[in-house]
Amino acid sequence: MRMQLTDAAGAFGAIAAALCCAGTPLIVAALAATGLSALRKDAILWPVMLVSLAVAMWGHWQGHRIHHAWAPLIIGFAGASSLALGVIVVHGFPAMQMIYGGAMLLVLATIWNIAARTRCD
């Protein structure tokens, strides 16, 4: 149960930080409504996103060690790379496509990893 939370929590944290960096209106409004607008700075969000991605990838690696399937790990790594590059390196419209695409890949890999792990238990 503990390892299932690792990859899911890491993916959720990274996606939330990336969408906040991208200025997604729902997340920005939620931060403003709770008085946490000061947290919407790249100096805070980039490390949170990168640490969350590291936690998610560690969870995917632990899942791979249990179910021996490479696909969730590779898809998770591709999603994490797209998410990080879309936030940090690429800007404008292509960045949004990379962020949303990376988030979808990360969610898909997390669901696949959890399903493969539960089949092995």
C-alpha atoms as a PDB file:
ATOM      1  CA  MET A   1       0.000   0.000   0.000  1.00  0.00           C
ATOM      2  CA  ARG A   2       2.830   2.364   0.840  1.00  0.00           C
ATOM      3  CA  MET A   3       4.501   2.034  -2.549  1.00  0.00           C
ATOM      4  CA  GLN A   4       1.213   2.633  -4.357  1.00  0.00           C
ATOM      5  CA  LEU A   5       1.058   6.017  -2.679  1.00  0.00           C
ATOM      6  CA  THR A   6       4.615   6.877  -3.703  1.00  0.00           C
ATOM      7  CA  ASP A   7       4.134   7.054  -7.455  1.00  0.00           C
ATOM      8  CA  ALA A   8       0.608   8.464  -7.243  1.00  0.00           C
ATOM      9  CA  ALA A   9       1.543  11.177  -4.730  1.00  0.00           C
ATOM     10  CA  GLY A  10       4.651  12.103  -6.704  1.00  0.00           C
ATOM     11  CA  ALA A  11       2.696  12.357  -9.952  1.00  0.00           C
ATOM     12  CA  PHE A  12      -0.056  14.424  -8.314  1.00  0.00           C
ATOM     13  CA  GLY A  13       2.444  16.845  -6.738  1.00  0.00           C
ATOM     14  CA  ALA A  14       4.407  17.280  -9.964  1.00  0.00           C
ATOM     15  CA  ILE A  15       1.296  17.835 -12.076  1.00  0.00           C
ATOM     16  CA  ALA A  16      -0.127  20.357  -9.603  1.00  0.00           C
ATOM     17  CA  ALA A  17       3.171  22.296  -9.505  1.00  0.00           C
ATOM     18  CA  ALA A  18       3.509  22.233 -13.303  1.00  0.00           C
ATOM     19  CA  LEU A  19      -0.051  23.422 -13.872  1.00  0.00           C
ATOM     20  CA  CYS A  20       0.506  26.188 -11.336  1.00  0.00           C
ATOM     21  CA  CYS A  21       3.668  27.266 -13.184  1.00  0.00           C
ATOM     22  CA  ALA A  22       1.703  27.236 -16.437  1.00  0.00           C
ATOM     23  CA  GLY A  23      -0.881  29.562 -14.907  1.00  0.00           C
ATOM     24  CA  THR A  24      -3.876  27.251 -15.145  1.00  0.00           C
ATOM     25  CA  PRO A  25      -6.818  29.442 -14.041  1.00  0.00           C
ATOM     26  CA  LEU A  26      -8.401  26.892 -11.699  1.00  0.00           C
ATOM     27  CA  ILE A  27      -5.197  26.340  -9.725  1.00  0.00           C
ATOM     28  CA  VAL A  28      -4.274  30.041  -9.667  1.00  0.00           C
ATOM     29  CA  ALA A  29      -7.789  30.897  -8.433  1.00  0.00           C
ATOM     30  CA  ALA A  30      -7.609  28.211  -5.738  1.00  0.00           C
ATOM     31  CA  LEU A  31      -4.287  29.607  -4.509  1.00  0.00           C
ATOM     32  CA  ALA A  32      -5.694  33.127  -4.462  1.00  0.00           C
ATOM     33  CA  ALA A  33      -8.844  32.028  -2.627  1.00  0.00           C
ATOM     34  CA  THR A  34      -6.812  30.340   0.095  1.00  0.00           C
ATOM     35  CA  GLY A  35      -4.342  33.210   0.432  1.00  0.00           C
ATOM     36  CA  LEU A  36      -1.426  31.196  -0.933  1.00  0.00           C
ATOM     37  CA  SER A  37      -0.646  33.299  -4.011  1.00  0.00           C
ATOM     38  CA  ALA A  38       2.877  33.901  -2.707  1.00  0.00           C
ATOM     39  CA  LEU A  39       3.640  30.243  -3.452  1.00  0.00           C
ATOM     40  CA  ARG A  40       3.202  30.841  -7.185  1.00  0.00           C
ATOM     41  CA  LYS A  41       6.860  31.563  -7.869  1.00  0.00           C
ATOM     42  CA  ASP A  42       9.197  29.534 -10.056  1.00  0.00           C
ATOM     43  CA  ALA A  43      11.792  29.493  -7.273  1.00  0.00           C
ATOM     44  CA  ILE A  44       9.321  27.526  -5.144  1.00  0.00           C
ATOM     45  CA  LEU A  45       7.426  25.524  -7.770  1.00  0.00           C
ATOM     46  CA  TRP A  46      10.361  24.162  -9.817  1.00  0.00           C
ATOM     47  CA  PRO A  47      12.012  22.373  -6.869  1.00  0.00           C
ATOM     48  CA  VAL A  48       8.612  21.063  -5.705  1.00  0.00           C
ATOM     49  CA  MET A  49       7.907  19.741  -9.189  1.00  0.00           C
ATOM     50  CA  LEU A  50      11.351  18.165  -9.603  1.00  0.00           C
ATOM     51  CA  VAL A  51      11.273  16.485  -6.190  1.00  0.00           C
ATOM     52  CA  SER A  52       7.744  15.229  -6.876  1.00  0.00           C
ATOM     53  CA  LEU A  53       8.872  13.820 -10.228  1.00  0.00           C
ATOM     54  CA  ALA A  54      11.800  12.101  -8.513  1.00  0.00           C
ATOM     55  CA  VAL A  55       9.400  10.547  -5.981  1.00  0.00           C
ATOM     56  CA  ALA A  56       7.085   9.421  -8.805  1.00  0.00           C
ATOM     57  CA  MET A  57       9.963   7.883 -10.765  1.00  0.00           C
ATOM     58  CA  TRP A  58      11.218   6.121  -7.630  1.00  0.00           C
ATOM     59  CA  GLY A  59       7.715   4.680  -7.181  1.00  0.00           C
ATOM     60  CA  HIS A  60       7.666   3.535 -10.803  1.00  0.00           C
ATOM     61  CA  TRP A  61      11.093   1.925 -10.346  1.00  0.00           C
ATOM     62  CA  GLN A  62       9.904   0.118  -7.215  1.00  0.00           C
ATOM     63  CA  GLY A  63       6.872  -1.080  -9.172  1.00  0.00           C
ATOM     64  CA  HIS A  64       9.132  -2.313 -11.962  1.00  0.00           C
ATOM     65  CA  ARG A  65      11.115  -4.324  -9.442  1.00  0.00           C
ATOM     66  CA  ILE A  66       7.880  -6.064  -8.422  1.00  0.00           C
ATOM     67  CA  HIS A  67       6.108  -6.640 -11.757  1.00  0.00           C
ATOM     68  CA  HIS A  68       9.126  -6.530 -14.147  1.00  0.00           C
ATOM     69  CA  ALA A  69       7.214  -4.574 -16.813  1.00  0.00           C
ATOM     70  CA  TRP A  70       9.228  -1.856 -18.510  1.00  0.00           C
ATOM     71  CA  ALA A  71       6.332  -0.020 -20.194  1.00  0.00           C
ATOM     72  CA  PRO A  72       4.996   1.901 -17.132  1.00  0.00           C
ATOM     73  CA  LEU A  73       8.527   2.995 -16.223  1.00  0.00           C
ATOM     74  CA  ILE A  74       9.344   4.169 -19.754  1.00  0.00           C
ATOM     75  CA  ILE A  75       6.006   5.952 -20.220  1.00  0.00           C
ATOM     76  CA  GLY A  76       6.371   7.552 -16.777  1.00  0.00           C
ATOM     77  CA  PHE A  77       9.873   8.753 -17.631  1.00  0.00           C
ATOM     78  CA  ALA A  78       8.657  10.179 -20.960  1.00  0.00           C
ATOM     79  CA  GLY A  79       5.798  11.976 -19.179  1.00  0.00           C
ATOM     80  CA  ALA A  80       8.082  13.311 -16.452  1.00  0.00           C
ATOM     81  CA  SER A  81      10.597  14.559 -19.030  1.00  0.00           C
ATOM     82  CA  SER A  82       7.890  16.253 -21.100  1.00  0.00           C
ATOM     83  CA  LEU A  83       6.383  17.857 -18.005  1.00  0.00           C
ATOM     84  CA  ALA A  84       9.718  19.197 -16.724  1.00  0.00           C
ATOM     85  CA  LEU A  85      10.903  20.426 -20.127  1.00  0.00           C
ATOM     86  CA  GLY A  86       7.561  22.084 -20.814  1.00  0.00           C
ATOM     87  CA  VAL A  87       7.792  24.042 -17.576  1.00  0.00           C
ATOM     88  CA  ILE A  88      11.495  24.886 -17.470  1.00  0.00           C
ATOM     89  CA  VAL A  89      12.860  24.981 -21.037  1.00  0.00           C
ATOM     90  CA  VAL A  90      10.078  25.457 -23.609  1.00  0.00           C
ATOM     91  CA  HIS A  91       7.770  28.490 -23.497  1.00  0.00           C
ATOM     92  CA  GLY A  92       4.531  29.543 -25.186  1.00  0.00           C
ATOM     93  CA  PHE A  93       1.997  27.278 -26.875  1.00  0.00           C
ATOM     94  CA  PRO A  94       4.338  24.269 -27.324  1.00  0.00           C
ATOM     95  CA  ALA A  95       5.066  24.344 -23.585  1.00  0.00           C
ATOM     96  CA  MET A  96       1.394  23.959 -22.740  1.00  0.00           C
ATOM     97  CA  GLN A  97       1.132  20.970 -25.083  1.00  0.00           C
ATOM     98  CA  MET A  98       4.188  19.390 -23.451  1.00  0.00           C
ATOM     99  CA  ILE A  99       2.846  20.016 -19.944  1.00  0.00           C
ATOM    100  CA  TYR A 100      -0.607  18.598 -20.638  1.00  0.00           C
ATOM    101  CA  GLY A 101       0.779  15.691 -22.664  1.00  0.00           C
ATOM    102  CA  GLY A 102       3.357  14.893 -19.996  1.00  0.00           C
ATOM    103  CA  ALA A 103       0.689  15.033 -17.301  1.00  0.00           C
ATOM    104  CA  MET A 104      -1.497  12.584 -19.236  1.00  0.00           C
ATOM    105  CA  LEU A 105       1.426  10.205 -19.767  1.00  0.00           C
ATOM    106  CA  LEU A 106       2.357  10.409 -16.096  1.00  0.00           C
ATOM    107  CA  VAL A 107      -1.196   9.621 -14.999  1.00  0.00           C
ATOM    108  CA  LEU A 108      -1.404   6.734 -17.492  1.00  0.00           C
ATOM    109  CA  ALA A 109       1.912   5.300 -16.303  1.00  0.00           C
ATOM    110  CA  THR A 110       0.879   5.611 -12.650  1.00  0.00           C
ATOM    111  CA  ILE A 111      -2.427   3.804 -13.225  1.00  0.00           C
ATOM    112  CA  TRP A 112      -0.669   1.112 -15.259  1.00  0.00           C
ATOM    113  CA  ASN A 113       2.036   0.713 -12.595  1.00  0.00           C
ATOM    114  CA  ILE A 114      -0.497   0.344  -9.782  1.00  0.00           C
ATOM    115  CA  ALA A 115      -2.573  -2.144 -11.799  1.00  0.00           C
ATOM    116  CA  ALA A 116       0.479  -4.230 -12.677  1.00  0.00           C
ATOM    117  CA  ARG A 117       1.631  -4.201  -9.061  1.00  0.00           C
ATOM    118  CA  THR A 118      -1.741  -5.349  -7.729  1.00  0.00           C
ATOM    119  CA  ARG A 119      -1.805  -8.235 -10.230  1.00  0.00           C
ATOM    120  CA  CYS A 120       1.489  -9.443  -8.752  1.00  0.00           C
ATOM    121  CA  ASP A 121       0.280  -9.374  -5.133  1.00  0.00           C
END
